[in-house]
Amino acid sequence: WGWGGYYSLGKAGGENSAQYKGIVDSI
């Protein structure tokens, strides 16, 4: 799973995603 259906925007798949880090930082 991930935000918007993107695995790269989820906890498991977002390790190397700058955008996912931005989501976590924003929250």
PDB file of all heavy atoms in Angstrom:
ATOM      1  N   TRP A   1       0.808  -1.210   0.000  1.00  0.00           N
ATOM      2  CA  TRP A   1       0.000   0.000   0.000  1.00  0.00           C
ATOM      3  C   TRP A   1       0.847   1.268   0.000  1.00  0.00           C
ATOM      4  O   TRP A   1       2.026   1.250   0.350  1.00  0.00           O
ATOM      5  CB  TRP A   1      -0.940   0.029   1.203  1.00  0.00           C
ATOM      6  CG  TRP A   1      -0.257  -0.063   2.550  1.00  0.00           C
ATOM      7  CD1 TRP A   1       0.022  -1.206   3.253  1.00  0.00           C
ATOM      8  CD2 TRP A   1       0.246   1.025   3.337  1.00  0.00           C
ATOM      9  NE1 TRP A   1       0.652  -0.904   4.442  1.00  0.00           N
ATOM     10  CE2 TRP A   1       0.804   0.463   4.522  1.00  0.00           C
ATOM     11  CE3 TRP A   1       0.274   2.396   3.180  1.00  0.00           C
ATOM     12  CZ2 TRP A   1       1.381   1.239   5.531  1.00  0.00           C
ATOM     13  CZ3 TRP A   1       0.852   3.185   4.176  1.00  0.00           C
ATOM     14  CH2 TRP A   1       1.398   2.602   5.351  1.00  0.00           C
ATOM     15  N   GLY A   2       0.196   2.348  -0.383  1.00  0.00           N
ATOM     16  CA  GLY A   2       0.834   3.662  -0.349  1.00  0.00           C
ATOM     17  C   GLY A   2      -0.187   4.748  -0.638  1.00  0.00           C
ATOM     18  O   GLY A   2      -1.328   4.470  -1.027  1.00  0.00           O
ATOM     19  N   TRP A   3       0.194   5.994  -0.451  1.00  0.00           N
ATOM     20  CA  TRP A   3      -0.690   7.121  -0.747  1.00  0.00           C
ATOM     21  C   TRP A   3      -0.928   7.180  -2.255  1.00  0.00           C
ATOM     22  O   TRP A   3       0.006   7.084  -3.052  1.00  0.00           O
ATOM     23  CB  TRP A   3      -0.067   8.424  -0.260  1.00  0.00           C
ATOM     24  CG  TRP A   3       0.085   8.493   1.225  1.00  0.00           C
ATOM     25  CD1 TRP A   3       1.183   8.120   1.953  1.00  0.00           C
ATOM     26  CD2 TRP A   3      -0.884   8.960   2.165  1.00  0.00           C
ATOM     27  NE1 TRP A   3       0.952   8.315   3.293  1.00  0.00           N
ATOM     28  CE2 TRP A   3      -0.307   8.828   3.461  1.00  0.00           C
ATOM     29  CE3 TRP A   3      -2.178   9.464   2.050  1.00  0.00           C
ATOM     30  CZ2 TRP A   3      -0.989   9.200   4.619  1.00  0.00           C
ATOM     31  CZ3 TRP A   3      -2.854   9.841   3.204  1.00  0.00           C
ATOM     32  CH2 TRP A   3      -2.269   9.699   4.466  1.00  0.00           C
ATOM     33  N   GLY A   4      -2.194   7.320  -2.638  1.00  0.00           N
ATOM     34  CA  GLY A   4      -2.545   7.415  -4.040  1.00  0.00           C
ATOM     35  C   GLY A   4      -2.392   6.126  -4.810  1.00  0.00           C
ATOM     36  O   GLY A   4      -2.467   6.122  -6.040  1.00  0.00           O
ATOM     37  N   GLY A   5      -2.177   5.015  -4.119  1.00  0.00           N
ATOM     38  CA  GLY A   5      -1.967   3.736  -4.793  1.00  0.00           C
ATOM     39  C   GLY A   5      -0.561   3.562  -5.325  1.00  0.00           C
ATOM     40  O   GLY A   5      -0.322   2.702  -6.173  1.00  0.00           O
ATOM     41  N   TYR A   6       0.376   4.363  -4.808  1.00  0.00           N
ATOM     42  CA  TYR A   6       1.784   4.239  -5.189  1.00  0.00           C
ATOM     43  C   TYR A   6       2.555   3.575  -4.045  1.00  0.00           C
ATOM     44  O   TYR A   6       2.671   4.150  -2.953  1.00  0.00           O
ATOM     45  CB  TYR A   6       2.390   5.613  -5.482  1.00  0.00           C
ATOM     46  CG  TYR A   6       1.748   6.343  -6.630  1.00  0.00           C
ATOM     47  CD1 TYR A   6       0.833   7.373  -6.401  1.00  0.00           C
ATOM     48  CD2 TYR A   6       2.055   6.013  -7.947  1.00  0.00           C
ATOM     49  CE1 TYR A   6       0.242   8.060  -7.454  1.00  0.00           C
ATOM     50  CE2 TYR A   6       1.477   6.695  -9.013  1.00  0.00           C
ATOM     51  CZ  TYR A   6       0.571   7.712  -8.758  1.00  0.00           C
ATOM     52  OH  TYR A   6      -0.011   8.382  -9.804  1.00  0.00           O
ATOM     53  N   TYR A   7       3.089   2.411  -4.311  1.00  0.00           N
ATOM     54  CA  TYR A   7       3.857   1.707  -3.277  1.00  0.00           C
ATOM     55  C   TYR A   7       5.041   2.535  -2.816  1.00  0.00           C
ATOM     56  O   TYR A   7       5.440   2.480  -1.646  1.00  0.00           O
ATOM     57  CB  TYR A   7       4.331   0.358  -3.827  1.00  0.00           C
ATOM     58  CG  TYR A   7       4.968  -0.555  -2.801  1.00  0.00           C
ATOM     59  CD1 TYR A   7       4.256  -0.994  -1.691  1.00  0.00           C
ATOM     60  CD2 TYR A   7       6.287  -0.978  -2.965  1.00  0.00           C
ATOM     61  CE1 TYR A   7       4.841  -1.840  -0.758  1.00  0.00           C
ATOM     62  CE2 TYR A   7       6.881  -1.829  -2.037  1.00  0.00           C
ATOM     63  CZ  TYR A   7       6.152  -2.253  -0.936  1.00  0.00           C
ATOM     64  OH  TYR A   7       6.738  -3.092  -0.014  1.00  0.00           O
ATOM     65  N   SER A   8       5.596   3.349  -3.709  1.00  0.00           N
ATOM     66  CA  SER A   8       6.733   4.204  -3.361  1.00  0.00           C
ATOM     67  C   SER A   8       6.343   5.349  -2.433  1.00  0.00           C
ATOM     68  O   SER A   8       7.214   6.055  -1.915  1.00  0.00           O
ATOM     69  CB  SER A   8       7.374   4.781  -4.628  1.00  0.00           C
ATOM     70  OG  SER A   8       6.440   5.579  -5.338  1.00  0.00           O
ATOM     71  N   LEU A   9       5.033   5.529  -2.214  1.00  0.00           N
ATOM     72  CA  LEU A   9       4.554   6.555  -1.283  1.00  0.00           C
ATOM     73  C   LEU A   9       3.937   5.905  -0.041  1.00  0.00           C
ATOM     74  O   LEU A   9       2.972   6.422   0.532  1.00  0.00           O
ATOM     75  CB  LEU A   9       3.538   7.474  -1.957  1.00  0.00           C
ATOM     76  CG  LEU A   9       4.048   8.297  -3.146  1.00  0.00           C
ATOM     77  CD1 LEU A   9       2.967   9.229  -3.657  1.00  0.00           C
ATOM     78  CD2 LEU A   9       5.308   9.085  -2.781  1.00  0.00           C
ATOM     79  N   GLY A  10       4.513   4.780   0.369  1.00  0.00           N
ATOM     80  CA  GLY A  10       4.070   4.088   1.576  1.00  0.00           C
ATOM     81  C   GLY A  10       5.244   3.769   2.473  1.00  0.00           C
ATOM     82  O   GLY A  10       6.410   3.906   2.074  1.00  0.00           O
ATOM     83  N   LYS A  11       4.948   3.324   3.677  1.00  0.00           N
ATOM     84  CA  LYS A  11       6.015   3.091   4.654  1.00  0.00           C
ATOM     85  C   LYS A  11       7.017   2.050   4.180  1.00  0.00           C
ATOM     86  O   LYS A  11       8.222   2.211   4.342  1.00  0.00           O
ATOM     87  CB  LYS A  11       5.406   2.655   5.987  1.00  0.00           C
ATOM     88  CG  LYS A  11       6.449   2.481   7.092  1.00  0.00           C
ATOM     89  CD  LYS A  11       5.818   2.120   8.419  1.00  0.00           C
ATOM     90  CE  LYS A  11       6.896   1.958   9.482  1.00  0.00           C
ATOM     91  NZ  LYS A  11       6.320   1.600  10.805  1.00  0.00           N
ATOM     92  N   ALA A  12       6.530   0.965   3.574  1.00  0.00           N
ATOM     93  CA  ALA A  12       7.429  -0.114   3.163  1.00  0.00           C
ATOM     94  C   ALA A  12       8.177   0.213   1.878  1.00  0.00           C
ATOM     95  O   ALA A  12       9.350  -0.135   1.725  1.00  0.00           O
ATOM     96  CB  ALA A  12       6.650  -1.418   2.990  1.00  0.00           C
ATOM     97  N   GLY A  13       7.502   0.903   0.952  1.00  0.00           N
ATOM     98  CA  GLY A  13       8.115   1.137  -0.350  1.00  0.00           C
ATOM     99  C   GLY A  13       8.725   2.509  -0.539  1.00  0.00           C
ATOM    100  O   GLY A  13       9.314   2.788  -1.589  1.00  0.00           O
ATOM    101  N   GLY A  14       8.599   3.388   0.455  1.00  0.00           N
ATOM    102  CA  GLY A  14       9.034   4.768   0.279  1.00  0.00           C
ATOM    103  C   GLY A  14      10.396   5.098   0.846  1.00  0.00           C
ATOM    104  O   GLY A  14      10.739   6.279   0.990  1.00  0.00           O
ATOM    105  N   GLU A  15      11.198   4.066   1.127  1.00  0.00           N
ATOM    106  CA  GLU A  15      12.495   4.297   1.767  1.00  0.00           C
ATOM    107  C   GLU A  15      13.379   5.246   0.964  1.00  0.00           C
ATOM    108  O   GLU A  15      14.094   6.070   1.529  1.00  0.00           O
ATOM    109  CB  GLU A  15      13.214   2.957   1.964  1.00  0.00           C
ATOM    110  CG  GLU A  15      14.542   3.076   2.676  1.00  0.00           C
ATOM    111  CD  GLU A  15      15.192   1.727   2.902  1.00  0.00           C
ATOM    112  OE1 GLU A  15      14.517   0.692   2.699  1.00  0.00           O
ATOM    113  OE2 GLU A  15      16.371   1.692   3.279  1.00  0.00           O
ATOM    114  N   ASN A  16      13.323   5.144  -0.366  1.00  0.00           N
ATOM    115  CA  ASN A  16      14.180   5.965  -1.212  1.00  0.00           C
ATOM    116  C   ASN A  16      13.415   7.063  -1.946  1.00  0.00           C
ATOM    117  O   ASN A  16      13.916   7.626  -2.919  1.00  0.00           O
ATOM    118  CB  ASN A  16      14.899   5.071  -2.233  1.00  0.00           C
ATOM    119  CG  ASN A  16      15.787   4.036  -1.565  1.00  0.00           C
ATOM    120  OD1 ASN A  16      16.532   4.343  -0.630  1.00  0.00           O
ATOM    121  ND2 ASN A  16      15.704   2.795  -2.030  1.00  0.00           N
ATOM    122  N   SER A  17      12.208   7.369  -1.482  1.00  0.00           N
ATOM    123  CA  SER A  17      11.366   8.363  -2.147  1.00  0.00           C
ATOM    124  C   SER A  17      11.407   9.694  -1.395  1.00  0.00           C
ATOM    125  O   SER A  17      10.984   9.771  -0.236  1.00  0.00           O
ATOM    126  CB  SER A  17       9.923   7.867  -2.232  1.00  0.00           C
ATOM    127  OG  SER A  17       9.053   8.898  -2.650  1.00  0.00           O
ATOM    128  N   ALA A  18      11.891  10.723  -2.066  1.00  0.00           N
ATOM    129  CA  ALA A  18      11.917  12.053  -1.448  1.00  0.00           C
ATOM    130  C   ALA A  18      10.500  12.558  -1.197  1.00  0.00           C
ATOM    131  O   ALA A  18      10.237  13.217  -0.183  1.00  0.00           O
ATOM    132  CB  ALA A  18      12.670  13.020  -2.344  1.00  0.00           C
ATOM    133  N   GLN A  19       9.574  12.233  -2.108  1.00  0.00           N
ATOM    134  CA  GLN A  19       8.202  12.682  -1.931  1.00  0.00           C
ATOM    135  C   GLN A  19       7.568  12.027  -0.711  1.00  0.00           C
ATOM    136  O   GLN A  19       6.847  12.678   0.048  1.00  0.00           O
ATOM    137  CB  GLN A  19       7.365  12.389  -3.178  1.00  0.00           C
ATOM    138  CG  GLN A  19       5.951  12.970  -3.108  1.00  0.00           C
ATOM    139  CD  GLN A  19       5.135  12.682  -4.355  1.00  0.00           C
ATOM    140  OE1 GLN A  19       5.641  12.153  -5.341  1.00  0.00           O
ATOM    141  NE2 GLN A  19       3.851  13.027  -4.334  1.00  0.00           N
ATOM    142  N   TYR A  20       7.850  10.738  -0.500  1.00  0.00           N
ATOM    143  CA  TYR A  20       7.287  10.086   0.687  1.00  0.00           C
ATOM    144  C   TYR A  20       7.870  10.682   1.957  1.00  0.00           C
ATOM    145  O   TYR A  20       7.151  10.904   2.933  1.00  0.00           O
ATOM    146  CB  TYR A  20       7.520   8.580   0.670  1.00  0.00           C
ATOM    147  CG  TYR A  20       6.916   7.911   1.889  1.00  0.00           C
ATOM    148  CD1 TYR A  20       5.541   7.928   2.080  1.00  0.00           C
ATOM    149  CD2 TYR A  20       7.711   7.330   2.867  1.00  0.00           C
ATOM    150  CE1 TYR A  20       4.960   7.359   3.214  1.00  0.00           C
ATOM    151  CE2 TYR A  20       7.137   6.757   3.999  1.00  0.00           C
ATOM    152  CZ  TYR A  20       5.775   6.775   4.161  1.00  0.00           C
ATOM    153  OH  TYR A  20       5.209   6.225   5.286  1.00  0.00           O
ATOM    154  N   LYS A  21       9.168  10.983   1.941  1.00  0.00           N
ATOM    155  CA  LYS A  21       9.758  11.646   3.103  1.00  0.00           C
ATOM    156  C   LYS A  21       9.074  12.978   3.351  1.00  0.00           C
ATOM    157  O   LYS A  21       8.831  13.371   4.496  1.00  0.00           O
ATOM    158  CB  LYS A  21      11.255  11.862   2.908  1.00  0.00           C
ATOM    159  CG  LYS A  21      11.955  12.466   4.123  1.00  0.00           C
ATOM    160  CD  LYS A  21      13.442  12.639   3.887  1.00  0.00           C
ATOM    161  CE  LYS A  21      14.145  13.155   5.146  1.00  0.00           C
ATOM    162  NZ  LYS A  21      13.572  14.433   5.634  1.00  0.00           N
ATOM    163  N   GLY A  22       8.712  13.679   2.265  1.00  0.00           N
ATOM    164  CA  GLY A  22       7.980  14.926   2.415  1.00  0.00           C
ATOM    165  C   GLY A  22       6.622  14.723   3.061  1.00  0.00           C
ATOM    166  O   GLY A  22       6.194  15.532   3.891  1.00  0.00           O
ATOM    167  N   ILE A  23       5.917  13.641   2.694  1.00  0.00           N
ATOM    168  CA  ILE A  23       4.622  13.337   3.313  1.00  0.00           C
ATOM    169  C   ILE A  23       4.783  13.103   4.811  1.00  0.00           C
ATOM    170  O   ILE A  23       4.039  13.654   5.632  1.00  0.00           O
ATOM    171  CB  ILE A  23       3.980  12.106   2.639  1.00  0.00           C
ATOM    172  CG1 ILE A  23       3.560  12.440   1.205  1.00  0.00           C
ATOM    173  CG2 ILE A  23       2.780  11.611   3.440  1.00  0.00           C
ATOM    174  CD1 ILE A  23       3.064  11.245   0.404  1.00  0.00           C
ATOM    175  N   VAL A  24       5.785  12.299   5.180  1.00  0.00           N
ATOM    176  CA  VAL A  24       6.027  12.004   6.596  1.00  0.00           C
ATOM    177  C   VAL A  24       6.393  13.275   7.353  1.00  0.00           C
ATOM    178  O   VAL A  24       5.879  13.535   8.456  1.00  0.00           O
ATOM    179  CB  VAL A  24       7.135  10.943   6.734  1.00  0.00           C
ATOM    180  CG1 VAL A  24       7.518  10.751   8.197  1.00  0.00           C
ATOM    181  CG2 VAL A  24       6.690   9.616   6.131  1.00  0.00           C
ATOM    182  N   ASP A  25       7.257  14.099   6.770  1.00  0.00           N
ATOM    183  CA  ASP A  25       7.660  15.349   7.419  1.00  0.00           C
ATOM    184  C   ASP A  25       6.479  16.307   7.547  1.00  0.00           C
ATOM    185  O   ASP A  25       6.337  17.019   8.559  1.00  0.00           O
ATOM    186  CB  ASP A  25       8.782  16.020   6.629  1.00  0.00           C
ATOM    187  CG  ASP A  25      10.104  15.278   6.721  1.00  0.00           C
ATOM    188  OD1 ASP A  25      10.238  14.411   7.609  1.00  0.00           O
ATOM    189  OD2 ASP A  25      10.999  15.553   5.900  1.00  0.00           O
ATOM    190  N   SER A  26       5.631  16.330   6.538  1.00  0.00           N
ATOM    191  CA  SER A  26       4.470  17.216   6.551  1.00  0.00           C
ATOM    192  C   SER A  26       3.496  16.827   7.662  1.00  0.00           C
ATOM    193  O   SER A  26       2.981  17.692   8.392  1.00  0.00           O
ATOM    194  CB  SER A  26       3.768  17.141   5.186  1.00  0.00           C
ATOM    195  OG  SER A  26       2.680  18.034   5.124  1.00  0.00           O
ATOM    196  N   ILE A  27       3.244  15.528   7.809  1.00  0.00           N
ATOM    197  CA  ILE A  27       2.367  15.041   8.872  1.00  0.00           C
ATOM    198  C   ILE A  27       2.944  15.363  10.241  1.00  0.00           C
ATOM    199  O   ILE A  27       2.232  15.814  11.150  1.00  0.00           O
ATOM    200  CB  ILE A  27       2.137  13.528   8.699  1.00  0.00           C
ATOM    201  CG1 ILE A  27       1.218  13.265   7.495  1.00  0.00           C
ATOM    202  CG2 ILE A  27       1.542  12.912   9.963  1.00  0.00           C
ATOM    203  CD1 ILE A  27       1.072  11.805   7.132  1.00  0.00           C
TER     204      ILE A  27
END
